[in-house]
């Protein structure tokens, strides 16, 4: 595989997992790390990841990073909103880096931000580089995995995808994002303002619609709190009986092929990932991952693997995960031989 120079942009919990994943790849050279946390700036990248020293000092600005040469990619892990992260991504493109980002909305921004998506796509193409948003969810387990496994049938009648995540095993920011510890009233008020919950469930559903060649219909969404019946002691603190322990969120498209995404992120649920197809030719078809996929580790690995794949196949512009399975159709085999 081609040698890839990687810049780590954002060194929170996910960014550090990405770094660890990079160290397990023999064709990746990490050339720098960028983060605004003053407690990390100036320290060795290996030190803040609890690994051996690398000689690479964390910096707060791209001005201290060498301009990207051929096969340079930034693994970007700073935010969930496309308008929020676009200035960062634009700067990375200006510095010669393609971008693989964990930004959830970037996994399929064409409907929520149509004009901005066009701008990102054209800007990356003008630079001869690529941009993609991915991760475990959105990016894989509740969207592109369903698109890939749908290849076994040609007569799909409906799709139901469910994921259950035990947030007591996850990082504190995720527990906070799903409302753990809040009152039901606080949760509902934040939900009404769209200021709480998992980011990207709608993008996952739109990614499936795109991957299956279906029209982008209106999506019906719902979000409700789960409530603990006992006192809980978590890494984020004490959660009293009757307080929010997580969420139950759904997204439904009732077009030609009804599709339902059902997500539970709560304390002490039995973890599982499941995709169910109903089809005329195969009947009930079920793909199950007992124990589910552990989000932080899988997100990091997906970012690294996607960077290697898109770099290898010379992709350009704003891509999505449903492009990955088609890149083999546009390989210039003579150049790769």
Protein backbone atom coordinates (compact mmCIF):
# COMPACT_ATOMS: atom_id res chain seq x y z
CA UNK A 1 0.00 0.00 0.00
CA UNK A 2 1.07 3.59 -0.56
CA UNK A 3 2.84 5.42 2.24
CA UNK A 4 0.53 8.02 3.77
CA UNK A 5 1.45 11.10 5.78
CA UNK A 6 -1.19 11.73 8.47
CA UNK A 7 -1.94 14.91 10.38
CA UNK A 8 -4.09 14.51 13.49
CA UNK A 9 -6.46 17.48 13.85
CA UNK A 10 -8.23 17.31 17.22
CA UNK A 11 -6.78 15.26 20.08
CA UNK A 12 -9.75 14.55 22.32
CA UNK A 13 -10.73 10.96 23.22
CA UNK A 14 -11.51 10.03 19.60
CA UNK A 15 -8.46 11.80 18.19
CA UNK A 16 -6.18 9.90 20.55
CA UNK A 17 -7.84 6.62 19.56
CA UNK A 18 -7.17 7.57 15.94
CA UNK A 19 -3.51 8.12 16.79
CA UNK A 20 -3.29 4.69 18.42
CA UNK A 21 -4.90 3.13 15.35
CA UNK A 22 -2.36 4.89 13.13
CA UNK A 23 0.51 3.38 15.11
CA UNK A 24 -0.77 -0.08 14.13
CA UNK A 25 -0.50 0.70 10.40
CA UNK A 26 2.87 0.11 8.80
CA UNK A 27 2.21 2.43 5.84
CA UNK A 28 1.23 5.49 7.91
CA UNK A 29 3.57 8.19 9.16
CA UNK A 30 2.07 10.62 11.64
CA UNK A 31 3.68 13.99 10.95
CA UNK A 32 1.86 16.24 13.42
CA UNK A 33 -0.92 16.87 15.89
CA UNK A 34 -3.10 19.96 16.29
CA UNK A 35 -5.30 20.82 19.28
CA UNK A 36 -6.37 24.01 21.03
CA UNK A 37 -6.17 22.55 24.57
CA UNK A 38 -3.36 24.47 26.34
CA UNK A 39 -2.72 21.39 28.50
CA UNK A 40 -1.71 19.47 25.36
CA UNK A 41 0.06 22.09 23.28
CA UNK A 42 3.83 21.64 23.41
CA UNK A 43 3.66 18.11 24.78
CA UNK A 44 4.80 15.02 22.94
CA UNK A 45 1.99 13.32 21.03
CA UNK A 46 2.94 9.96 22.52
CA UNK A 47 2.86 11.35 26.05
CA UNK A 48 -0.74 12.60 25.87
CA UNK A 49 -1.81 9.27 24.32
CA UNK A 50 -0.05 7.32 27.10
CA UNK A 51 2.33 5.80 24.57
CA UNK A 52 6.08 6.12 24.09
CA UNK A 53 7.39 9.51 22.99
CA UNK A 54 7.32 10.23 19.27
CA UNK A 55 9.32 13.44 19.02
CA UNK A 56 6.19 15.14 17.63
CA UNK A 57 5.05 18.15 19.64
CA UNK A 58 1.37 19.08 19.67
CA UNK A 59 0.71 22.53 18.19
CA UNK A 60 -2.30 24.82 18.32
CA UNK A 61 -2.04 26.06 14.75
CA UNK A 62 -1.60 24.75 11.22
CA UNK A 63 1.00 27.45 10.69
CA UNK A 64 3.44 25.19 12.55
CA UNK A 65 2.67 22.17 10.36
CA UNK A 66 4.44 21.46 7.04
CA UNK A 67 2.34 21.84 3.90
CA UNK A 68 0.90 18.52 2.77
CA UNK A 69 2.70 16.75 -0.06
CA UNK A 70 1.40 13.84 -2.12
CA UNK A 71 -0.57 11.28 -0.10
CA UNK A 72 -1.16 13.57 2.88
CA UNK A 73 -4.41 13.32 4.82
CA UNK A 74 -5.77 14.97 7.96
CA UNK A 75 -7.81 12.84 10.34
CA UNK A 76 -10.18 15.44 11.75
CA UNK A 77 -12.08 14.92 15.03
CA UNK A 78 -13.30 18.24 16.42
CA UNK A 79 -17.05 18.70 15.96
CA UNK A 80 -20.43 17.43 14.78
CA UNK A 81 -21.77 20.40 12.77
CA UNK A 82 -20.77 20.97 9.14
CA UNK A 83 -20.95 24.81 9.33
CA UNK A 84 -18.82 24.64 12.49
CA UNK A 85 -16.05 22.47 11.04
CA UNK A 86 -15.98 23.73 7.44
CA UNK A 87 -13.53 26.59 8.19
CA UNK A 88 -11.17 24.04 9.76
CA UNK A 89 -11.53 21.64 6.82
CA UNK A 90 -11.10 24.45 4.31
CA UNK A 91 -7.86 25.46 6.02
CA UNK A 92 -6.65 21.85 5.90
CA UNK A 93 -7.40 21.68 2.16
CA UNK A 94 -5.51 24.95 1.69
CA UNK A 95 -2.54 23.32 3.40
CA UNK A 96 -2.62 20.38 0.99
CA UNK A 97 -4.40 17.78 3.12
CA UNK A 98 -7.33 15.62 2.14
CA UNK A 99 -9.69 15.25 5.11
CA UNK A 100 -11.33 12.26 6.76
CA UNK A 101 -13.56 13.62 9.50
CA UNK A 102 -15.65 12.19 12.34
CA UNK A 103 -18.12 15.09 11.90
CA UNK A 104 -21.47 13.30 11.94
CA UNK A 105 -23.35 15.75 9.73
CA UNK A 106 -20.60 15.50 7.11
CA UNK A 107 -21.47 11.84 6.47
CA UNK A 108 -24.25 13.01 4.13
CA UNK A 109 -24.66 16.81 4.12
CA UNK A 110 -26.34 17.08 0.71
CA UNK A 111 -29.87 17.48 2.08
CA UNK A 112 -29.35 19.40 5.33
CA UNK A 113 -26.77 21.77 3.77
CA UNK A 114 -27.14 21.49 -0.03
CA UNK A 115 -25.30 24.70 -0.94
CA UNK A 116 -22.51 24.16 1.56
CA UNK A 117 -22.11 20.56 0.38
CA UNK A 118 -21.69 21.81 -3.19
CA UNK A 119 -19.13 24.36 -2.00
CA UNK A 120 -17.11 21.74 -0.12
CA UNK A 121 -17.26 19.35 -3.08
CA UNK A 122 -16.06 21.93 -5.60
CA UNK A 123 -13.40 23.36 -3.29
CA UNK A 124 -11.90 19.91 -2.69
CA UNK A 125 -11.99 19.07 -6.40
CA UNK A 126 -10.27 22.35 -7.26
CA UNK A 127 -7.51 21.32 -4.84
CA UNK A 128 -7.36 17.78 -6.26
CA UNK A 129 -8.19 16.45 -2.79
CA UNK A 130 -11.07 14.67 -1.04
CA UNK A 131 -13.26 15.21 2.03
CA UNK A 132 -15.41 12.57 3.73
CA UNK A 133 -17.31 12.24 7.01
CA UNK A 134 -17.40 8.80 8.58
CA UNK A 135 -17.16 6.76 11.78
CA UNK A 136 -19.07 3.92 13.39
CA UNK A 137 -22.42 5.73 13.56
CA UNK A 138 -22.97 7.48 11.23
CA UNK A 139 -20.62 6.02 8.67
CA UNK A 140 -20.89 2.28 9.12
CA UNK A 141 -23.09 0.24 11.42
CA UNK A 142 -26.48 1.91 10.83
CA UNK A 143 -26.00 2.94 7.20
CA UNK A 144 -23.20 1.79 4.87
CA UNK A 145 -23.19 -1.71 6.37
CA UNK A 146 -26.87 -2.00 5.44
CA UNK A 147 -26.14 -0.78 1.91
CA UNK A 148 -23.35 -3.33 1.48
CA UNK A 149 -25.34 -6.27 2.89
CA UNK A 150 -28.36 -5.37 0.75
CA UNK A 151 -26.39 -6.76 -2.20
CA UNK A 152 -27.60 -10.27 -1.32
CA UNK A 153 -31.19 -9.47 -2.36
CA UNK A 154 -32.83 -7.62 -5.25
CA UNK A 155 -36.37 -7.46 -3.86
CA UNK A 156 -36.22 -5.49 -0.59
CA UNK A 157 -39.61 -4.73 0.95
CA UNK A 158 -38.43 -3.02 4.16
CA UNK A 159 -35.33 -2.37 6.28
CA UNK A 160 -35.17 -2.14 10.07
CA UNK A 161 -31.86 -1.26 11.74
CA UNK A 162 -31.41 -1.17 15.50
CA UNK A 163 -28.46 -0.34 17.70
CA UNK A 164 -28.24 -0.49 21.49
CA UNK A 165 -25.30 1.15 23.25
CA UNK A 166 -24.50 0.90 26.96
CA UNK A 167 -23.27 4.44 27.62
CA UNK A 168 -21.99 3.47 31.09
CA UNK A 169 -19.04 1.93 29.18
CA UNK A 170 -18.44 5.02 27.08
CA UNK A 171 -16.62 8.31 27.54
CA UNK A 172 -18.11 11.08 29.70
CA UNK A 173 -18.82 13.47 26.77
CA UNK A 174 -21.05 10.81 25.20
CA UNK A 175 -22.94 10.29 28.46
CA UNK A 176 -23.52 14.04 28.61
CA UNK A 177 -24.57 14.20 24.96
CA UNK A 178 -27.40 11.72 25.52
CA UNK A 179 -28.64 13.50 28.65
CA UNK A 180 -27.49 11.18 31.43
CA UNK A 181 -28.28 12.72 34.82
CA UNK A 182 -30.76 15.33 33.63
CA UNK A 183 -34.38 15.53 34.69
CA UNK A 184 -36.99 14.41 32.18
CA UNK A 185 -38.18 18.01 31.92
CA UNK A 186 -34.66 19.26 31.17
CA UNK A 187 -34.19 16.55 28.54
CA UNK A 188 -37.50 17.31 26.80
CA UNK A 189 -36.78 21.04 26.75
CA UNK A 190 -33.38 20.46 25.15
CA UNK A 191 -34.90 17.97 22.69
CA UNK A 192 -37.50 20.56 21.69
CA UNK A 193 -34.65 22.92 20.79
CA UNK A 194 -32.70 20.13 19.05
CA UNK A 195 -29.88 20.60 21.54
CA UNK A 196 -29.55 17.05 22.81
CA UNK A 197 -29.23 13.56 21.44
CA UNK A 198 -27.25 11.59 18.91
CA UNK A 199 -26.08 13.59 15.92
CA UNK A 200 -26.31 11.93 12.52
CA UNK A 201 -29.27 9.55 12.60
CA UNK A 202 -30.98 11.47 9.80
CA UNK A 203 -27.72 11.49 7.84
CA UNK A 204 -27.48 7.71 8.26
CA UNK A 205 -30.96 7.26 6.81
CA UNK A 206 -30.19 9.60 3.93
CA UNK A 207 -26.95 7.73 3.29
CA UNK A 208 -28.95 4.50 2.93
CA UNK A 209 -31.46 6.14 0.59
CA UNK A 210 -28.57 7.44 -1.52
CA UNK A 211 -26.78 4.10 -1.53
CA UNK A 212 -29.90 2.26 -2.67
CA UNK A 213 -30.73 4.86 -5.31
CA UNK A 214 -33.97 5.91 -3.60
CA UNK A 215 -35.42 9.42 -3.58
CA UNK A 216 -34.73 11.65 -0.60
CA UNK A 217 -38.16 11.70 1.06
CA UNK A 218 -39.13 13.53 4.22
CA UNK A 219 -37.89 11.78 7.35
CA UNK A 220 -39.91 11.47 10.55
CA UNK A 221 -37.81 11.62 13.72
CA UNK A 222 -38.52 11.08 17.40
CA UNK A 223 -36.46 11.29 20.57
CA UNK A 224 -37.42 10.28 24.10
CA UNK A 225 -35.46 9.93 27.35
CA UNK A 226 -34.88 6.63 29.11
CA UNK A 227 -35.20 6.86 32.89
CA UNK A 228 -33.35 4.89 35.58
CA UNK A 229 -35.36 3.07 38.25
CA UNK A 230 -32.33 2.87 40.58
CA UNK A 231 -29.48 5.11 41.72
CA UNK A 232 -26.42 4.90 39.45
CA UNK A 233 -22.73 5.64 39.96
CA UNK A 234 -21.07 6.44 36.64
CA UNK A 235 -17.78 7.93 35.48
CA UNK A 236 -19.68 11.18 34.93
CA UNK A 237 -21.04 11.16 38.51
CA UNK A 238 -24.05 10.11 40.58
CA UNK A 239 -27.39 9.68 38.78
CA UNK A 240 -30.39 9.48 41.04
CA UNK A 241 -33.46 7.31 40.62
CA UNK A 242 -35.95 8.90 38.23
CA UNK A 243 -33.28 10.80 36.31
CA UNK A 244 -32.46 10.38 32.64
CA UNK A 245 -30.25 7.39 31.84
CA UNK A 246 -30.03 7.95 28.10
CA UNK A 247 -32.24 8.17 25.05
CA UNK A 248 -34.35 6.28 22.53
CA UNK A 249 -34.21 7.89 19.10
CA UNK A 250 -35.76 6.87 15.79
CA UNK A 251 -35.71 8.03 12.18
CA UNK A 252 -38.22 6.68 9.66
CA UNK A 253 -38.57 7.01 5.89
CA UNK A 254 -41.82 5.66 4.45
CA UNK A 255 -40.98 5.83 0.75
CA UNK A 256 -40.79 3.02 -1.80
CA UNK A 257 -38.87 0.88 0.71
CA UNK A 258 -39.84 1.72 4.31
CA UNK A 259 -36.70 2.17 6.41
CA UNK A 260 -36.56 2.48 10.19
CA UNK A 261 -33.50 3.34 12.27
CA UNK A 262 -33.97 2.60 15.99
CA UNK A 263 -31.23 3.76 18.35
CA UNK A 264 -31.04 3.27 22.13
CA UNK A 265 -28.10 4.84 23.95
CA UNK A 266 -28.65 4.28 27.64
CA UNK A 267 -27.10 2.97 30.84
CA UNK A 268 -26.92 -0.81 31.30
CA UNK A 269 -28.71 -1.88 28.11
CA UNK A 270 -27.65 -5.12 26.43
CA UNK A 271 -25.49 -4.02 23.52
CA UNK A 272 -26.34 -5.28 20.05
CA UNK A 273 -26.37 -4.14 16.42
CA UNK A 274 -28.97 -5.62 14.08
CA UNK A 275 -30.05 -5.17 10.47
CA UNK A 276 -33.26 -6.83 9.29
CA UNK A 277 -34.34 -6.99 5.66
CA UNK A 278 -37.72 -8.19 4.51
CA UNK A 279 -37.54 -9.22 0.88
CA UNK A 280 -39.59 -11.10 -1.68
CA UNK A 281 -36.80 -13.46 -2.69
CA UNK A 282 -35.25 -14.26 0.72
CA UNK A 283 -38.02 -13.45 3.21
CA UNK A 284 -36.69 -12.46 6.65
CA UNK A 285 -32.96 -11.77 6.47
CA UNK A 286 -31.11 -10.72 9.61
CA UNK A 287 -27.54 -9.61 10.27
CA UNK A 288 -26.64 -9.36 13.97
CA UNK A 289 -23.51 -8.29 15.84
CA UNK A 290 -23.88 -9.65 19.40
CA UNK A 291 -22.36 -7.21 21.87
CA UNK A 292 -22.40 -4.47 19.22
CA UNK A 293 -19.44 -2.49 17.93
CA UNK A 294 -17.52 -0.43 20.49
CA UNK A 295 -17.90 3.10 19.20
CA UNK A 296 -14.61 4.84 20.04
CA UNK A 297 -12.31 2.10 18.79
CA UNK A 298 -14.34 1.36 15.67
CA UNK A 299 -14.69 5.05 14.77
CA UNK A 300 -10.92 5.46 14.95
CA UNK A 301 -10.30 2.36 12.84
CA UNK A 302 -12.88 3.39 10.23
CA UNK A 303 -11.27 6.82 9.86
CA UNK A 304 -7.84 5.29 9.32
CA UNK A 305 -9.06 2.56 6.94
CA UNK A 306 -11.13 5.00 4.89
CA UNK A 307 -8.13 7.35 4.60
CA UNK A 308 -6.04 4.49 3.24
CA UNK A 309 -8.77 3.39 0.83
CA UNK A 310 -9.60 6.79 -0.64
CA UNK A 311 -5.93 7.76 -0.87
CA UNK A 312 -5.18 4.51 -2.70
CA UNK A 313 -7.99 5.04 -5.22
CA UNK A 314 -7.25 8.75 -5.79
CA UNK A 315 -10.66 10.09 -4.87
CA UNK A 316 -11.50 13.79 -5.15
CA UNK A 317 -14.30 16.05 -3.93
CA UNK A 318 -16.84 15.49 -1.17
CA UNK A 319 -17.36 11.74 -0.86
CA UNK A 320 -19.67 9.53 1.19
CA UNK A 321 -19.29 6.01 2.51
CA UNK A 322 -21.57 4.66 -0.21
CA UNK A 323 -18.88 5.72 -2.70
CA UNK A 324 -16.37 3.31 -1.17
CA UNK A 325 -17.82 0.18 -2.74
CA UNK A 326 -17.81 1.74 -6.23
CA UNK A 327 -14.26 3.09 -6.34
CA UNK A 328 -12.99 -0.15 -7.82
CA UNK A 329 -14.91 0.76 -10.97
CA UNK A 330 -12.73 3.81 -11.61
CA UNK A 331 -9.26 2.45 -10.82
CA UNK A 332 -6.55 3.14 -13.35
CA UNK A 333 -4.99 -0.31 -13.08
CA UNK A 334 -2.00 0.60 -15.26
CA UNK A 335 -0.96 3.36 -12.85
CA UNK A 336 -1.33 1.06 -9.87
CA UNK A 337 0.67 -1.83 -11.38
